[in-house]
């Protein structure tokens, strides 16, 4: 059971082929999905991503797109 205010995260396999992102397609990029769509339980993930420098963020996005 998922609370009506929660969203189930879809598996990340094939992420590069599934944009736009988020449950409503409101994020054009994976980076935008992390920065604009991660609140509540995902706040720590967004905060950690924000703390990375540009190279670190690029490496995370590159990894996600390789799945």
Protein backbone atom coordinates (compact mmCIF):
# COMPACT_ATOMS: atom_id res chain seq x y z
CA UNK A 1 0.00 0.00 0.00
CA UNK A 2 1.22 3.38 -1.06
CA UNK A 3 -0.18 6.48 0.56
CA UNK A 4 -1.96 8.67 -2.03
CA UNK A 5 0.65 11.38 -1.40
CA UNK A 6 3.53 9.01 -2.28
CA UNK A 7 4.90 7.78 -5.59
CA UNK A 8 6.50 4.45 -6.35
CA UNK A 9 9.84 4.84 -8.03
CA UNK A 10 10.01 2.97 -11.29
CA UNK A 11 13.05 0.72 -11.81
CA UNK A 12 16.00 2.66 -13.22
CA UNK A 13 17.00 0.03 -15.80
CA UNK A 14 16.68 1.62 -19.24
CA UNK A 15 16.39 5.13 -17.81
CA UNK A 16 18.09 6.64 -20.86
CA UNK A 17 15.18 5.49 -23.00
CA UNK A 18 12.32 6.63 -20.79
CA UNK A 19 12.42 10.46 -20.64
CA UNK A 20 10.82 12.75 -19.85
CA UNK A 21 11.07 11.82 -16.20
CA UNK A 22 9.05 11.77 -12.98
CA UNK A 23 5.56 10.38 -12.62
CA UNK A 24 4.09 13.22 -14.68
CA UNK A 25 6.89 13.72 -17.21
CA UNK A 26 7.69 17.17 -15.83
CA UNK A 27 11.49 16.71 -15.81
CA UNK A 28 13.17 16.81 -19.20
CA UNK A 29 16.46 15.40 -17.89
CA UNK A 30 17.55 12.95 -15.21
CA UNK A 31 19.37 15.79 -13.42
CA UNK A 32 16.20 17.86 -13.37
CA UNK A 33 14.31 14.87 -11.98
CA UNK A 34 16.72 14.66 -9.04
CA UNK A 35 16.79 18.40 -8.38
CA UNK A 36 13.14 19.23 -8.97
CA UNK A 37 11.33 16.08 -8.00
CA UNK A 38 12.97 14.66 -4.90
CA UNK A 39 11.39 15.76 -1.64
CA UNK A 40 10.12 14.00 1.46
CA UNK A 41 11.92 10.67 1.83
CA UNK A 42 14.18 11.56 -1.10
CA UNK A 43 15.39 14.90 0.29
CA UNK A 44 18.67 13.39 1.48
CA UNK A 45 19.41 12.07 -2.03
CA UNK A 46 18.68 15.48 -3.58
CA UNK A 47 20.80 17.27 -0.96
CA UNK A 48 23.74 14.93 -1.55
CA UNK A 49 23.45 15.43 -5.32
CA UNK A 50 23.32 19.21 -4.87
CA UNK A 51 26.50 19.07 -2.78
CA UNK A 52 28.48 17.56 -5.66
CA UNK A 53 30.50 19.72 -8.01
CA UNK A 54 29.58 19.80 -11.71
CA UNK A 55 31.92 16.89 -12.50
CA UNK A 56 30.43 14.76 -9.72
CA UNK A 57 26.90 15.45 -10.91
CA UNK A 58 27.88 14.62 -14.48
CA UNK A 59 29.34 11.29 -13.35
CA UNK A 60 26.14 10.38 -11.50
CA UNK A 61 24.02 11.25 -14.53
CA UNK A 62 26.39 9.30 -16.80
CA UNK A 63 26.01 6.28 -14.51
CA UNK A 64 22.22 6.56 -14.47
CA UNK A 65 22.14 6.77 -18.26
CA UNK A 66 24.25 3.61 -18.47
CA UNK A 67 21.66 1.47 -16.69
